[in-house]
Amino acid sequence: MSSTLSAPTSVVGSFTETAFQAHLARVAHLPAWWLERKRAAYARFAALPMPKRTDEGWRFSNYGALTLDGFSLPAPVKLADLRHAALDITGAGTLVLANHRVALAEALPADLVQRGVIFDTLQNALLKHGELVREHLLTQPSKLGSEKFAALHEAFLEDGAFIYVPKNVEVPLPIGVFHYAAGANAAAFPHTLVVADENAKVTVADFFRSSETVGADLRRDPNAADSAPRQLIVGGNDLFAGHGAQITYVAMQDWSRDALSLQFNATVARRDARVLSLNLHAGARQARHESFSQLQAPGAHSEMLALTIARDTQEFDQRTLQIHQAPNTSSNLLYKNALLDQAKTIFSGLIVVDPDAQKTDAYQSNRNLMLSDDAEAHSLPGLEIQANDVRCTHGATSARIPAEQEFYLQSRGIAKAQADELLVFGFFEEVLGKIENEQLHDKLSEIIRSKFKE
């Protein structure tokens, strides 16, 4: 191991310089600038410490359960070997990545290709559209506490999805992307990059899932320790909306129940652009999601939505940052969590208004529905306002389902579990109703419903 990048095993875990050099050899055909960025990212990763108790960005988190030991970069798998869950929607195109390799690719319609729409893997985009990728891929800073893991993601990112919509082009149907992690102790680094040029419009459905192979015995006790593969997922996505562009991004996370997941979102909205991102969190043993939204020009708007189903002893940690950098921008954040059993959620959000961002209109709300006396919800909303003509509000609530509502449903022969499911859907519908595509709305509802049948 090189002395310049060496670090204690506890700091790099399985991601030693030897592992990194093996990864570099696999991607040696990619542009030199990207390889240099990866080397710099690995150096940052190796130098940065693991999170500790005194880190404000990890307040209330179970940082002691974080480990980088015992993982490996997984071997390729084929689509036929996966339990592939189709999106079941009419889409413009589909890309399935399993363990960082393409398992299925359904191309866009010819008319969209002729109009300049690009839907490809990140590796192909790096080779064919290098300058466009270089301008937008992982160019926003990590500011929410996971700088070490963001550097790990950049260092070991092997492939992902790239979507580009040129000026004045609308993609009428959703584009579907699947990221699968297969195998015990697998480490995966999924990424999706979406770039919408001036007045472009696109909807992207991003699906994250652990999968057992077809030959695996799926009849095991779901609560048994060996029934869910242990995995490490460190993923990211970049959303860039040019002047007047519209992006709708819907992510559905259903990793293994013994997975450790860290996901980073970076959104940039330019003049009169509108970005709606909705993240559904359902899987993983411990999941952290960081969302960083920048409103960079007048008229920009960001809608930041999330739904979480937290069960058993799952922990979901949500950290958000809304930065208003120009006048007459707006943002709306609404995160809703439903907690059962001994589950735990953490929300820490901050709205920042720069001195020149007059007429900012920003809203932030975290609402927790407690379905168990043993569940635990922490909320830390915040404001940092440096302008004097703004409208900013924030708040958080945690409440149980009113006993009379439960009694009403149960008195009509509805079992408690079914009653809770109905009430949760009523609680979630405010967010689900913002998804205009009916098929995507139904797919989100299907995933939520499946969590009540586990």
Protein backbone atom coordinates (compact mmCIF):
# COMPACT_ATOMS: atom_id res chain seq x y z
CA MET A 1 0.00 0.00 0.00
CA SER A 2 1.26 3.42 -0.91
CA SER A 3 2.39 5.53 2.03
CA THR A 4 0.65 8.58 0.58
CA LEU A 5 -2.81 7.03 0.82
CA SER A 6 -2.38 4.60 3.69
CA ALA A 7 -4.81 4.76 6.59
CA PRO A 8 -5.84 2.58 9.50
CA THR A 9 -8.11 -0.30 8.51
CA SER A 10 -10.85 1.13 10.72
CA VAL A 11 -10.91 4.23 8.52
CA VAL A 12 -10.94 2.56 5.07
CA GLY A 13 -12.26 -0.87 6.03
CA SER A 14 -12.52 -3.13 2.99
CA PHE A 15 -11.86 -0.21 0.65
CA THR A 16 -8.09 -0.37 0.76
CA GLU A 17 -5.80 1.15 -1.81
CA THR A 18 -5.39 -2.32 -3.30
CA ALA A 19 -9.15 -2.52 -3.83
CA PHE A 20 -9.13 0.98 -5.27
CA GLN A 21 -6.33 0.20 -7.73
CA ALA A 22 -8.25 -2.88 -8.88
CA HIS A 23 -11.28 -0.68 -9.44
CA LEU A 24 -9.20 1.86 -11.40
CA ALA A 25 -7.93 -0.92 -13.64
CA ARG A 26 -11.54 -1.82 -14.55
CA VAL A 27 -12.33 1.76 -15.57
CA ALA A 28 -8.95 2.65 -17.11
CA HIS A 29 -10.62 3.23 -20.50
CA LEU A 30 -12.54 6.25 -19.15
CA PRO A 31 -11.32 9.88 -19.58
CA ALA A 32 -8.19 10.94 -17.74
CA TRP A 33 -9.92 13.85 -15.95
CA TRP A 34 -12.43 11.44 -14.42
CA LEU A 35 -9.70 9.05 -13.25
CA GLU A 36 -7.87 11.98 -11.64
CA ARG A 37 -11.03 13.02 -9.84
CA LYS A 38 -11.42 9.47 -8.57
CA ARG A 39 -7.86 9.41 -7.24
CA ALA A 40 -8.44 12.72 -5.43
CA ALA A 41 -11.70 11.38 -4.02
CA TYR A 42 -9.99 8.27 -2.67
CA ALA A 43 -7.33 10.40 -1.00
CA ARG A 44 -10.08 12.45 0.73
CA PHE A 45 -11.91 9.31 1.75
CA ALA A 46 -8.81 7.73 3.29
CA ALA A 47 -7.91 10.93 5.16
CA LEU A 48 -11.32 11.73 6.63
CA PRO A 49 -12.35 10.18 9.96
CA MET A 50 -15.48 8.13 10.56
CA PRO A 51 -18.43 10.01 12.16
CA LYS A 52 -18.27 10.41 15.92
CA ARG A 53 -20.51 11.41 18.80
CA THR A 54 -19.53 15.09 18.74
CA ASP A 55 -20.47 15.59 15.05
CA GLU A 56 -23.61 17.76 14.89
CA GLY A 57 -24.39 16.32 11.46
CA TRP A 58 -24.83 12.90 13.05
CA ARG A 59 -26.88 13.97 16.04
CA PHE A 60 -29.26 11.20 17.18
CA SER A 61 -27.81 8.80 14.56
CA ASN A 62 -26.56 5.34 15.41
CA TYR A 63 -23.07 6.23 14.16
CA GLY A 64 -21.61 3.32 16.15
CA ALA A 65 -23.26 0.84 13.75
CA LEU A 66 -21.41 2.30 10.74
CA THR A 67 -18.70 0.04 9.42
CA LEU A 68 -16.69 -0.26 6.23
CA ASP A 69 -15.34 -3.71 7.07
CA GLY A 70 -16.36 -7.02 5.52
CA PHE A 71 -17.65 -5.75 2.16
CA SER A 72 -16.52 -6.50 -1.37
CA LEU A 73 -17.24 -5.23 -4.87
CA PRO A 74 -19.74 -7.76 -6.23
CA ALA A 75 -19.43 -9.96 -9.27
CA PRO A 76 -21.57 -9.33 -12.37
CA VAL A 77 -25.04 -10.89 -12.52
CA LYS A 78 -27.49 -11.32 -15.38
CA LEU A 79 -31.10 -10.18 -15.42
CA ALA A 80 -32.24 -13.81 -15.66
CA ASP A 81 -30.50 -14.50 -12.34
CA LEU A 82 -32.30 -11.71 -10.48
CA ARG A 83 -35.66 -11.37 -8.84
CA HIS A 84 -36.38 -8.39 -11.08
CA ALA A 85 -39.39 -6.27 -10.08
CA ALA A 86 -40.65 -4.47 -13.16
CA LEU A 87 -41.99 -0.95 -12.81
CA ASP A 88 -45.16 -2.00 -14.68
CA ILE A 89 -45.59 1.43 -16.19
CA THR A 90 -45.66 2.65 -19.76
CA GLY A 91 -42.30 4.35 -20.07
CA ALA A 92 -40.08 6.05 -22.62
CA GLY A 93 -37.12 3.76 -21.91
CA THR A 94 -35.63 1.47 -19.27
CA LEU A 95 -32.15 0.80 -17.95
CA VAL A 96 -31.43 -1.99 -15.46
CA LEU A 97 -28.06 -2.01 -13.68
CA ALA A 98 -27.17 -5.01 -11.52
CA ASN A 99 -23.97 -4.81 -9.48
CA HIS A 100 -22.89 -1.83 -11.62
CA ARG A 101 -23.27 -3.68 -14.92
CA VAL A 102 -25.99 -3.32 -17.54
CA ALA A 103 -28.50 -6.16 -17.27
CA LEU A 104 -31.17 -4.71 -19.57
CA ALA A 105 -31.45 -1.63 -21.77
CA GLU A 106 -34.61 -0.59 -23.61
CA ALA A 107 -33.85 2.34 -25.88
CA LEU A 108 -35.84 5.54 -26.20
CA PRO A 109 -38.25 5.94 -29.13
CA ALA A 110 -36.55 7.00 -32.34
CA ASP A 111 -38.24 10.42 -32.42
CA LEU A 112 -36.80 11.37 -29.01
CA VAL A 113 -33.34 10.20 -30.07
CA GLN A 114 -33.59 12.29 -33.23
CA ARG A 115 -34.50 15.32 -31.12
CA GLY A 116 -31.30 14.87 -29.09
CA VAL A 117 -32.52 13.11 -25.94
CA ILE A 118 -29.79 10.92 -24.44
CA PHE A 119 -30.47 7.94 -22.17
CA ASP A 120 -27.38 5.84 -21.58
CA THR A 121 -24.98 4.49 -19.00
CA LEU A 122 -22.60 6.86 -17.25
CA GLN A 123 -19.61 5.07 -18.73
CA ASN A 124 -20.89 5.54 -22.27
CA ALA A 125 -21.75 9.17 -21.50
CA LEU A 126 -18.27 9.81 -20.16
CA LEU A 127 -16.83 8.55 -23.44
CA LYS A 128 -19.35 10.15 -25.81
CA HIS A 129 -20.46 13.30 -23.99
CA GLY A 130 -17.53 13.97 -21.69
CA GLU A 131 -17.83 17.73 -21.36
CA LEU A 132 -21.55 17.59 -20.56
CA VAL A 133 -20.97 14.97 -17.87
CA ARG A 134 -17.95 16.79 -16.51
CA GLU A 135 -20.02 19.96 -16.02
CA HIS A 136 -22.68 18.26 -13.89
CA LEU A 137 -21.47 14.96 -12.40
CA LEU A 138 -20.76 15.28 -8.67
CA THR A 139 -19.90 18.96 -8.97
CA GLN A 140 -21.93 20.11 -5.93
CA PRO A 141 -20.23 20.03 -2.51
CA SER A 142 -21.22 17.62 0.24
CA LYS A 143 -22.38 19.80 3.16
CA LEU A 144 -24.56 17.61 5.34
CA GLY A 145 -22.08 15.50 7.30
CA SER A 146 -21.22 12.58 5.03
CA GLU A 147 -18.19 13.99 3.24
CA LYS A 148 -16.27 10.77 3.85
CA PHE A 149 -18.95 8.58 2.32
CA ALA A 150 -19.48 11.00 -0.59
CA ALA A 151 -15.76 10.70 -1.36
CA LEU A 152 -16.03 6.89 -1.16
CA HIS A 153 -18.92 7.04 -3.64
CA GLU A 154 -16.97 9.13 -6.12
CA ALA A 155 -13.87 6.99 -5.77
CA PHE A 156 -15.63 3.67 -6.44
CA LEU A 157 -18.47 4.81 -8.73
CA GLU A 158 -18.26 2.42 -11.67
CA ASP A 159 -21.40 3.01 -13.70
CA GLY A 160 -24.87 4.48 -13.50
CA ALA A 161 -27.54 6.18 -15.57
CA PHE A 162 -27.26 9.38 -17.62
CA ILE A 163 -30.29 11.30 -18.92
CA TYR A 164 -30.06 14.48 -20.99
CA VAL A 165 -33.01 16.37 -22.46
CA PRO A 166 -32.10 19.22 -24.83
CA LYS A 167 -33.66 22.65 -25.12
CA ASN A 168 -37.45 22.81 -25.67
CA VAL A 169 -37.88 19.01 -25.69
CA GLU A 170 -40.47 17.20 -23.57
CA VAL A 171 -40.25 13.49 -22.79
CA PRO A 172 -43.94 12.61 -22.42
CA LEU A 173 -43.52 9.28 -20.56
CA PRO A 174 -41.38 8.44 -17.52
CA ILE A 175 -37.86 7.08 -17.96
CA GLY A 176 -37.24 4.08 -15.70
CA VAL A 177 -33.92 3.24 -14.03
CA PHE A 178 -33.28 0.19 -11.81
CA HIS A 179 -30.25 -0.22 -9.56
CA TYR A 180 -29.84 -3.71 -8.09
CA ALA A 181 -27.38 -4.96 -5.48
CA ALA A 182 -27.10 -8.76 -5.42
CA GLY A 183 -25.08 -10.95 -3.11
CA ALA A 184 -24.11 -11.07 0.54
CA ASN A 185 -21.60 -8.42 1.71
CA ALA A 186 -21.89 -6.60 -1.61
CA ALA A 187 -20.87 -2.93 -1.82
CA ALA A 188 -22.75 -0.92 -4.44
CA PHE A 189 -22.38 2.68 -5.64
CA PRO A 190 -25.41 3.56 -7.80
CA HIS A 191 -25.71 6.95 -9.47
CA THR A 192 -28.19 8.76 -11.71
CA LEU A 193 -27.40 12.05 -13.48
CA VAL A 194 -30.30 14.03 -14.98
CA VAL A 195 -29.68 17.18 -17.02
CA ALA A 196 -32.64 19.12 -18.44
CA ASP A 197 -31.69 22.00 -20.72
CA GLU A 198 -33.67 25.21 -21.18
CA ASN A 199 -37.47 24.63 -21.19
CA ALA A 200 -37.03 20.84 -21.27
CA LYS A 201 -39.34 18.51 -19.36
CA VAL A 202 -38.74 14.96 -18.08
CA THR A 203 -39.92 12.49 -15.43
CA VAL A 204 -37.48 9.90 -14.06
CA ALA A 205 -38.38 6.90 -11.91
CA ASP A 206 -35.33 5.59 -10.02
CA PHE A 207 -35.72 2.21 -8.30
CA PHE A 208 -33.18 0.86 -5.76
CA ARG A 209 -33.47 -2.75 -4.65
CA SER A 210 -31.55 -5.67 -3.22
CA SER A 211 -32.19 -8.90 -5.02
CA GLU A 212 -31.63 -12.55 -4.29
CA THR A 213 -30.89 -14.81 -7.20
CA VAL A 214 -33.57 -17.01 -8.69
CA GLY A 215 -32.00 -20.10 -7.17
CA ALA A 216 -32.13 -18.74 -3.63
CA ASP A 217 -34.63 -20.15 -1.12
CA LEU A 218 -37.06 -17.29 -0.60
CA ARG A 219 -39.21 -19.15 1.92
CA ARG A 220 -36.98 -18.43 4.88
CA ASP A 221 -38.22 -16.59 7.93
CA PRO A 222 -38.04 -12.87 6.99
CA ASN A 223 -37.03 -12.07 10.58
CA ALA A 224 -34.12 -14.52 10.57
CA ALA A 225 -30.68 -12.91 10.63
CA ASP A 226 -29.53 -14.75 7.49
CA SER A 227 -32.65 -14.07 5.42
CA ALA A 228 -31.56 -10.62 4.23
CA PRO A 229 -28.11 -10.12 2.72
CA ARG A 230 -25.79 -7.71 4.49
CA GLN A 231 -24.86 -4.97 2.04
CA LEU A 232 -23.37 -1.47 1.87
CA ILE A 233 -25.00 0.95 -0.53
CA VAL A 234 -23.46 4.40 -1.09
CA GLY A 235 -25.42 6.10 -3.86
CA GLY A 236 -26.04 9.50 -5.36
CA ASN A 237 -27.99 11.47 -7.91
CA ASP A 238 -27.55 14.85 -9.56
CA LEU A 239 -30.50 16.84 -10.91
CA PHE A 240 -29.81 19.93 -13.01
CA ALA A 241 -32.72 22.00 -14.34
CA GLY A 242 -31.79 24.76 -16.79
CA HIS A 243 -33.82 27.93 -17.35
CA GLY A 244 -37.53 27.06 -17.49
CA ALA A 245 -36.90 23.31 -17.28
CA GLN A 246 -39.09 20.88 -15.35
CA ILE A 247 -37.81 17.71 -13.70
CA THR A 248 -39.92 15.22 -11.79
CA TYR A 249 -37.73 12.67 -9.99
CA VAL A 250 -39.31 9.77 -8.10
CA ALA A 251 -37.01 7.41 -6.16
CA MET A 252 -38.11 4.16 -4.53
CA GLN A 253 -35.66 2.58 -2.07
CA ASP A 254 -36.21 -1.04 -1.02
CA TRP A 255 -32.78 -2.36 -0.04
CA SER A 256 -32.19 -5.52 1.97
CA ARG A 257 -33.37 -5.32 5.58
CA ASP A 258 -29.75 -5.84 6.67
CA ALA A 259 -28.29 -3.18 4.38
CA LEU A 260 -26.53 0.03 5.39
CA SER A 261 -27.57 2.73 2.92
CA LEU A 262 -26.28 6.27 2.38
CA GLN A 263 -27.76 8.30 -0.48
CA PHE A 264 -26.87 11.84 -1.60
CA ASN A 265 -29.03 14.12 -3.73
CA ALA A 266 -27.85 17.39 -5.27
CA THR A 267 -30.40 19.57 -7.08
CA VAL A 268 -29.68 22.77 -9.00
CA ALA A 269 -32.56 24.88 -10.34
CA ARG A 270 -31.94 27.82 -12.64
CA ARG A 271 -34.27 30.69 -13.69
CA ASP A 272 -37.97 29.69 -13.65
CA ALA A 273 -37.02 26.01 -13.37
CA ARG A 274 -39.15 23.59 -11.35
CA VAL A 275 -37.83 20.41 -9.74
CA LEU A 276 -40.03 17.96 -7.87
CA SER A 277 -38.23 15.12 -6.10
CA LEU A 278 -40.04 12.44 -4.11
CA ASN A 279 -38.15 9.76 -2.22
CA LEU A 280 -39.89 6.69 -0.81
CA HIS A 281 -37.84 5.01 1.93
CA ALA A 282 -38.81 1.43 2.76
CA GLY A 283 -35.76 -0.84 2.95
CA ALA A 284 -32.40 -1.10 4.76
CA ARG A 285 -31.54 -1.65 8.40
CA GLN A 286 -30.05 1.81 8.65
CA ALA A 287 -30.57 4.39 5.89
CA ARG A 288 -29.32 7.95 5.66
CA HIS A 289 -30.54 10.30 2.93
CA GLU A 290 -29.03 13.74 2.36
CA SER A 291 -30.77 16.20 0.03
CA PHE A 292 -29.13 19.47 -1.01
CA SER A 293 -31.20 21.85 -3.14
CA GLN A 294 -29.89 25.12 -4.63
CA LEU A 295 -32.16 27.80 -6.09
CA GLN A 296 -29.69 29.75 -8.20
CA ALA A 297 -31.77 32.19 -10.26
CA PRO A 298 -35.05 34.14 -9.99
CA GLY A 299 -38.21 32.08 -10.36
CA ALA A 300 -36.56 28.78 -9.46
CA HIS A 301 -38.68 26.34 -7.43
CA SER A 302 -37.82 23.10 -5.62
CA GLU A 303 -40.41 20.69 -4.23
CA MET A 304 -38.72 18.25 -1.82
CA LEU A 305 -40.94 15.35 -0.74
CA ALA A 306 -40.35 12.12 1.14
CA LEU A 307 -42.36 9.21 2.53
CA THR A 308 -40.95 6.68 4.99
CA ILE A 309 -42.30 3.37 6.27
CA ALA A 310 -40.16 2.51 9.32
CA ARG A 311 -40.66 -0.94 10.87
CA ASP A 312 -39.03 -3.28 13.39
CA THR A 313 -35.74 -1.65 14.43
CA GLN A 314 -35.07 0.26 11.19
CA GLU A 315 -33.44 3.69 11.39
CA PHE A 316 -34.03 6.38 8.76
CA ASP A 317 -31.87 9.50 8.98
CA GLN A 318 -32.89 12.44 6.77
CA ARG A 319 -30.74 15.57 6.40
CA THR A 320 -31.78 18.42 4.11
CA LEU A 321 -30.50 21.81 3.00
CA GLN A 322 -32.46 24.36 0.95
CA ILE A 323 -30.26 27.26 -0.20
CA HIS A 324 -31.90 30.29 -1.80
CA GLN A 325 -29.19 32.16 -3.68
CA ALA A 326 -31.29 34.56 -5.80
CA PRO A 327 -34.39 36.75 -5.32
CA ASN A 328 -37.94 35.51 -6.00
CA THR A 329 -37.18 31.81 -5.50
CA SER A 330 -39.31 29.29 -3.65
CA SER A 331 -39.04 25.87 -2.08
CA ASN A 332 -41.40 23.50 -0.35
CA LEU A 333 -40.25 20.57 1.77
CA LEU A 334 -42.68 17.99 3.17
CA TYR A 335 -41.32 14.81 4.76
CA LYS A 336 -43.80 12.33 6.21
CA ASN A 337 -42.78 9.31 8.30
CA ALA A 338 -44.94 6.44 9.55
CA LEU A 339 -43.26 4.58 12.43
CA LEU A 340 -44.13 1.11 13.72
CA ASP A 341 -42.60 -1.26 16.27
CA GLN A 342 -39.23 0.01 17.61
CA ALA A 343 -38.33 2.02 14.50
CA LYS A 344 -36.52 5.34 14.61
CA THR A 345 -36.49 8.37 12.31
CA ILE A 346 -34.35 11.50 12.35
CA PHE A 347 -35.03 14.67 10.40
CA SER A 348 -32.63 17.61 10.40
CA GLY A 349 -33.40 20.33 7.88
CA LEU A 350 -32.11 23.83 7.24
CA ILE A 351 -33.38 26.65 5.04
CA VAL A 352 -30.65 29.18 4.14
CA VAL A 353 -31.52 32.51 2.54
CA ASP A 354 -28.56 34.45 1.14
CA PRO A 355 -28.38 38.26 1.57
CA ASP A 356 -29.42 38.96 -2.05
CA ALA A 357 -32.30 36.45 -2.04
CA GLN A 358 -35.11 38.89 -1.32
CA LYS A 359 -38.73 37.76 -1.84
CA THR A 360 -37.80 34.18 -0.95
CA ASP A 361 -40.76 31.92 -0.15
CA ALA A 362 -39.64 28.76 1.65
CA TYR A 363 -41.50 26.13 3.61
CA GLN A 364 -40.28 23.11 5.57
CA SER A 365 -42.36 20.52 7.42
CA ASN A 366 -41.63 17.13 8.97
CA ARG A 367 -44.63 15.12 10.16
CA ASN A 368 -44.39 11.84 12.03
CA LEU A 369 -47.22 9.37 12.50
CA MET A 370 -46.49 7.18 15.52
CA LEU A 371 -48.04 3.71 15.27
CA SER A 372 -46.21 2.35 18.30
CA ASP A 373 -45.37 3.59 21.78
CA ASP A 374 -41.86 2.19 21.30
CA ALA A 375 -41.07 4.10 18.10
CA GLU A 376 -38.83 7.17 18.21
CA ALA A 377 -38.91 10.31 16.03
CA HIS A 378 -36.44 13.22 16.23
CA SER A 379 -37.03 16.46 14.32
CA LEU A 380 -34.63 19.40 14.00
CA PRO A 381 -35.97 21.99 11.52
CA GLY A 382 -34.04 25.25 11.20
CA LEU A 383 -33.76 28.63 9.45
CA GLU A 384 -30.76 30.83 8.58
CA ILE A 385 -32.08 34.04 7.03
CA GLN A 386 -29.78 36.83 5.84
CA ALA A 387 -32.37 38.84 3.86
CA ASN A 388 -35.11 41.09 5.27
CA ASP A 389 -37.99 40.59 2.82
CA VAL A 390 -38.81 36.88 2.91
CA ARG A 391 -41.52 34.45 3.93
CA CYS A 392 -40.07 31.34 5.57
CA THR A 393 -41.82 28.84 7.82
CA HIS A 394 -40.77 25.55 9.34
CA GLY A 395 -42.18 23.05 11.76
CA ALA A 396 -42.42 19.45 12.90
CA THR A 397 -45.13 17.31 14.47
CA SER A 398 -45.28 13.83 15.98
CA ALA A 399 -48.64 12.30 16.83
CA ARG A 400 -50.42 9.00 17.26
CA ILE A 401 -53.50 7.95 15.30
CA PRO A 402 -56.51 9.15 17.29
CA ALA A 403 -58.01 6.25 19.24
CA GLU A 404 -61.51 7.06 17.99
CA GLN A 405 -60.40 6.63 14.37
CA GLU A 406 -58.91 3.22 15.12
CA PHE A 407 -62.01 2.24 17.08
CA TYR A 408 -64.31 3.35 14.27
CA LEU A 409 -62.55 1.13 11.73
CA GLN A 410 -62.16 -1.87 14.05
CA SER A 411 -65.81 -1.67 15.10
CA ARG A 412 -66.67 -2.29 11.46
CA GLY A 413 -64.71 -5.51 11.29
CA ILE A 414 -61.40 -4.13 10.03
CA ALA A 415 -58.37 -5.68 11.75
CA LYS A 416 -55.91 -3.32 13.45
CA ALA A 417 -53.15 -3.92 10.89
CA GLN A 418 -55.53 -3.15 8.01
CA ALA A 419 -56.88 -0.13 9.87
CA ASP A 420 -53.35 1.20 10.36
CA GLU A 421 -52.66 0.68 6.65
CA LEU A 422 -55.74 2.67 5.66
CA LEU A 423 -54.88 5.49 8.03
CA VAL A 424 -51.27 5.60 6.83
CA PHE A 425 -52.43 5.91 3.23
CA GLY A 426 -54.66 8.79 4.29
CA PHE A 427 -51.64 10.38 5.98
CA PHE A 428 -49.43 9.86 2.88
CA GLU A 429 -51.94 10.93 0.22
CA GLU A 430 -51.00 14.62 0.55
CA VAL A 431 -47.59 13.68 -0.86
CA LEU A 432 -48.66 10.88 -3.21
CA GLY A 433 -51.23 13.22 -4.76
CA LYS A 434 -48.43 15.43 -6.10
CA ILE A 435 -47.39 12.70 -8.57
CA GLU A 436 -49.26 13.45 -11.78
CA ASN A 437 -48.43 10.14 -13.50
CA GLU A 438 -51.13 7.72 -12.35
CA GLN A 439 -49.03 4.61 -12.92
CA LEU A 440 -46.16 5.98 -10.81
CA HIS A 441 -48.64 6.92 -8.08
CA ASP A 442 -49.97 3.34 -8.10
CA LYS A 443 -46.45 1.85 -8.02
CA LEU A 444 -45.53 3.89 -4.95
CA SER A 445 -48.77 2.79 -3.28
CA GLU A 446 -48.00 -0.84 -4.13
CA ILE A 447 -44.58 -0.67 -2.45
CA ILE A 448 -46.07 0.98 0.64
CA ARG A 449 -48.83 -1.65 0.80
CA SER A 450 -46.28 -4.47 0.56
CA LYS A 451 -44.58 -3.25 3.73
CA PHE A 452 -47.74 -4.00 5.72
CA LYS A 453 -47.72 -7.60 4.46
CA GLU A 454 -44.18 -8.46 5.54
